[in-house]
């Protein structure tokens, strides 16, 4: 779906597409306070995938922003954050799923969540559910207590129209969602837009 910002992902859904080396992906929070889960797989080998553990280890911090590199499970650079109007994103929590909504929220008929949306969108590329790692959660605000390690999910700091941009360091397959968890998005579900430029 096209919008004034390029492609638009409807609320509680996801998509997948190719991003070539040297292209920039801009993820836009159209209405504000909406999270977007982002995954990256190597186009040449889908078993090489974005890695929270490698990335946070090399960055030596959990909050990433402009200038930071996102690494794969093989320690190669996949993406570089080249612009960031928000400055707070999460790379700790796994994509929400039916089990998330069942265990955390007590839902008896849970939505498939970002996990299910990513699995469905990435299936044509050969990605299976068991291959889906922790996503880079654009705009997600997860404060962590430095003493106890306790974390909570607060409303995103992103305002309408704010964005974060990523430069591809290799040919990639991208999975991207408009997150399905109420708590992550300050109680409502909104679209996410994205643009690709050379």
Protein backbone atom coordinates (compact mmCIF):
# COMPACT_ATOMS: atom_id res chain seq x y z
CA UNK A 1 0.00 0.00 0.00
CA UNK A 2 1.33 3.45 -0.93
CA UNK A 3 1.08 6.52 1.26
CA UNK A 4 2.53 10.02 1.22
CA UNK A 5 5.58 8.45 2.90
CA UNK A 6 6.00 5.69 0.29
CA UNK A 7 4.81 2.24 1.35
CA UNK A 8 2.43 1.88 4.27
CA UNK A 9 2.06 -1.18 6.53
CA UNK A 10 -1.48 -1.36 7.95
CA UNK A 11 -1.93 -1.72 11.74
CA UNK A 12 -1.11 -5.18 13.18
CA UNK A 13 0.42 -6.47 9.94
CA UNK A 14 3.82 -6.95 8.31
CA UNK A 15 5.67 -7.16 5.03
CA UNK A 16 8.97 -8.35 3.55
CA UNK A 17 11.08 -6.98 0.72
CA UNK A 18 14.61 -6.87 -0.66
CA UNK A 19 17.04 -4.09 0.24
CA UNK A 20 20.18 -3.86 -1.89
CA UNK A 21 23.65 -2.94 -0.69
CA UNK A 22 23.98 0.86 -0.68
CA UNK A 23 20.24 1.50 -0.42
CA UNK A 24 18.73 3.30 2.56
CA UNK A 25 15.59 2.16 4.34
CA UNK A 26 13.70 4.89 6.19
CA UNK A 27 11.08 3.66 8.71
CA UNK A 28 8.47 6.30 9.54
CA UNK A 29 6.09 6.44 12.51
CA UNK A 30 3.15 7.97 10.65
CA UNK A 31 0.95 8.91 13.62
CA UNK A 32 3.36 8.65 16.54
CA UNK A 33 3.87 6.14 19.37
CA UNK A 34 3.89 3.09 17.08
CA UNK A 35 6.57 0.39 17.13
CA UNK A 36 7.95 -1.35 14.02
CA UNK A 37 9.77 -4.69 14.34
CA UNK A 38 12.62 -4.96 11.83
CA UNK A 39 14.47 -8.12 10.76
CA UNK A 40 17.29 -8.53 8.25
CA UNK A 41 18.51 -11.70 6.53
CA UNK A 42 21.40 -11.99 4.08
CA UNK A 43 20.08 -12.26 0.52
CA UNK A 44 22.81 -14.77 -0.33
CA UNK A 45 22.25 -17.01 2.73
CA UNK A 46 19.13 -16.66 4.88
CA UNK A 47 20.88 -18.45 7.73
CA UNK A 48 22.85 -15.24 8.26
CA UNK A 49 20.52 -13.01 10.23
CA UNK A 50 20.51 -9.85 12.33
CA UNK A 51 21.80 -10.53 15.85
CA UNK A 52 20.86 -8.64 18.98
CA UNK A 53 23.55 -10.43 20.97
CA UNK A 54 26.41 -9.65 18.58
CA UNK A 55 25.27 -6.07 18.03
CA UNK A 56 24.84 -5.15 21.69
CA UNK A 57 28.08 -6.89 22.59
CA UNK A 58 30.06 -4.83 20.08
CA UNK A 59 28.23 -1.56 20.90
CA UNK A 60 28.63 -2.07 24.68
CA UNK A 61 25.19 -0.56 25.28
CA UNK A 62 21.55 -1.43 24.72
CA UNK A 63 20.24 1.81 23.19
CA UNK A 64 21.41 2.26 19.60
CA UNK A 65 21.17 5.37 17.43
CA UNK A 66 22.84 7.30 14.59
CA UNK A 67 26.22 5.85 13.67
CA UNK A 68 25.64 2.44 15.26
CA UNK A 69 26.07 -0.77 13.28
CA UNK A 70 23.70 -3.75 13.34
CA UNK A 71 25.61 -7.03 13.03
CA UNK A 72 24.64 -10.52 11.91
CA UNK A 73 25.10 -13.79 13.78
CA UNK A 74 28.32 -14.11 11.76
CA UNK A 75 29.63 -10.72 12.94
CA UNK A 76 29.29 -8.98 9.59
CA UNK A 77 27.64 -5.57 9.34
CA UNK A 78 24.13 -5.75 7.90
CA UNK A 79 22.77 -2.25 8.55
CA UNK A 80 24.03 1.11 9.76
CA UNK A 81 21.77 3.64 11.47
CA UNK A 82 22.41 6.80 9.45
CA UNK A 83 19.67 9.08 10.82
CA UNK A 84 17.50 8.90 13.91
CA UNK A 85 14.91 11.47 14.94
CA UNK A 86 13.79 9.53 18.01
CA UNK A 87 16.88 8.08 19.67
CA UNK A 88 15.19 5.29 21.62
CA UNK A 89 14.67 1.84 20.18
CA UNK A 90 14.71 -1.67 21.67
CA UNK A 91 16.93 -4.62 20.74
CA UNK A 92 16.16 -6.82 23.78
CA UNK A 93 12.59 -8.09 23.43
CA UNK A 94 11.41 -10.73 21.01
CA UNK A 95 8.59 -10.11 18.48
CA UNK A 96 5.15 -10.36 20.10
CA UNK A 97 3.31 -13.59 19.30
CA UNK A 98 0.23 -15.62 20.14
CA UNK A 99 2.14 -16.89 23.16
CA UNK A 100 3.03 -13.33 24.21
CA UNK A 101 -0.63 -12.36 24.26
CA UNK A 102 -1.61 -15.61 26.00
CA UNK A 103 1.09 -15.50 28.70
CA UNK A 104 1.35 -11.75 29.37
CA UNK A 105 -2.16 -10.52 28.58
CA UNK A 106 -4.23 -13.65 29.21
CA UNK A 107 -5.84 -13.57 25.76
CA UNK A 108 -7.89 -16.67 25.03
CA UNK A 109 -8.02 -16.03 21.26
CA UNK A 110 -4.69 -14.28 20.68
CA UNK A 111 -3.57 -12.35 17.58
CA UNK A 112 -0.59 -13.88 15.75
CA UNK A 113 1.41 -10.73 16.53
CA UNK A 114 4.61 -9.52 14.91
CA UNK A 115 6.09 -13.01 15.08
CA UNK A 116 3.25 -14.48 13.02
CA UNK A 117 3.21 -11.50 10.66
CA UNK A 118 6.96 -11.75 10.07
CA UNK A 119 6.78 -15.52 9.55
CA UNK A 120 4.03 -15.14 6.95
CA UNK A 121 5.76 -12.27 5.13
CA UNK A 122 9.17 -13.99 5.06
CA UNK A 123 7.92 -17.47 4.13
CA UNK A 124 8.26 -16.85 0.35
CA UNK A 125 11.98 -16.20 0.95
CA UNK A 126 12.43 -19.57 2.65
CA UNK A 127 12.47 -18.24 6.23
CA UNK A 128 10.73 -20.50 8.75
CA UNK A 129 9.38 -19.63 12.20
CA UNK A 130 12.37 -21.17 13.97
CA UNK A 131 14.69 -18.83 12.04
CA UNK A 132 13.13 -15.63 13.40
CA UNK A 133 15.40 -13.94 15.97
CA UNK A 134 15.01 -10.90 18.20
CA UNK A 135 13.99 -7.98 16.00
CA UNK A 136 15.32 -4.43 16.10
CA UNK A 137 12.21 -2.77 17.50
CA UNK A 138 12.13 0.70 15.98
CA UNK A 139 10.65 3.30 18.35
CA UNK A 140 10.05 0.80 21.17
CA UNK A 141 10.81 2.33 24.57
CA UNK A 142 12.12 -0.21 27.09
CA UNK A 143 13.75 1.40 30.16
CA UNK A 144 15.98 -0.91 32.19
CA UNK A 145 16.82 -0.46 35.89
CA UNK A 146 20.61 -0.39 36.10
CA UNK A 147 20.68 -2.04 39.53
CA UNK A 148 18.01 -4.74 39.39
CA UNK A 149 17.84 -5.30 35.61
CA UNK A 150 14.06 -4.91 35.77
CA UNK A 151 12.60 -3.66 32.53
CA UNK A 152 9.28 -2.18 31.54
CA UNK A 153 7.60 -1.16 28.30
CA UNK A 154 6.77 2.55 28.17
CA UNK A 155 5.06 4.52 25.39
CA UNK A 156 7.31 5.20 22.39
CA UNK A 157 8.97 8.61 22.32
CA UNK A 158 8.31 8.94 18.58
CA UNK A 159 6.01 11.69 17.34
CA UNK A 160 3.99 11.68 14.13
CA UNK A 161 6.25 11.71 11.08
CA UNK A 162 9.50 10.96 12.91
CA UNK A 163 11.76 8.28 11.47
CA UNK A 164 14.92 6.19 11.67
CA UNK A 165 17.06 5.36 8.62
CA UNK A 166 19.29 2.35 7.89
CA UNK A 167 21.98 1.96 5.23
CA UNK A 168 22.35 -1.59 3.87
CA UNK A 169 25.92 -2.89 3.97
CA UNK A 170 24.98 -5.99 1.97
CA UNK A 171 22.07 -7.32 -0.08
CA UNK A 172 19.32 -8.11 2.41
CA UNK A 173 15.82 -9.46 2.88
CA UNK A 174 13.95 -7.20 5.30
CA UNK A 175 10.94 -8.09 7.43
CA UNK A 176 9.03 -5.11 8.86
CA UNK A 177 5.85 -4.80 10.90
CA UNK A 178 3.44 -2.39 12.47
CA UNK A 179 3.53 -3.88 15.96
CA UNK A 180 0.50 -5.66 17.39
CA UNK A 181 1.08 -5.26 21.17
CA UNK A 182 -1.10 -2.68 22.94
CA UNK A 183 1.43 -1.95 25.68
CA UNK A 184 4.23 -1.25 23.20
CA UNK A 185 2.16 1.30 21.27
CA UNK A 186 0.54 3.24 24.13
CA UNK A 187 -2.80 1.48 23.80
CA UNK A 188 -3.63 1.77 20.10
CA UNK A 189 -2.63 0.23 16.77
CA UNK A 190 -1.40 2.49 13.98
CA UNK A 191 0.31 2.10 10.59
CA UNK A 192 4.02 2.27 9.83
CA UNK A 193 5.44 3.66 6.59
CA UNK A 194 8.75 3.02 4.90
CA UNK A 195 10.79 4.41 2.00
CA UNK A 196 13.73 2.96 0.09
CA UNK A 197 16.24 5.25 -1.59
CA UNK A 198 19.54 4.72 -3.40
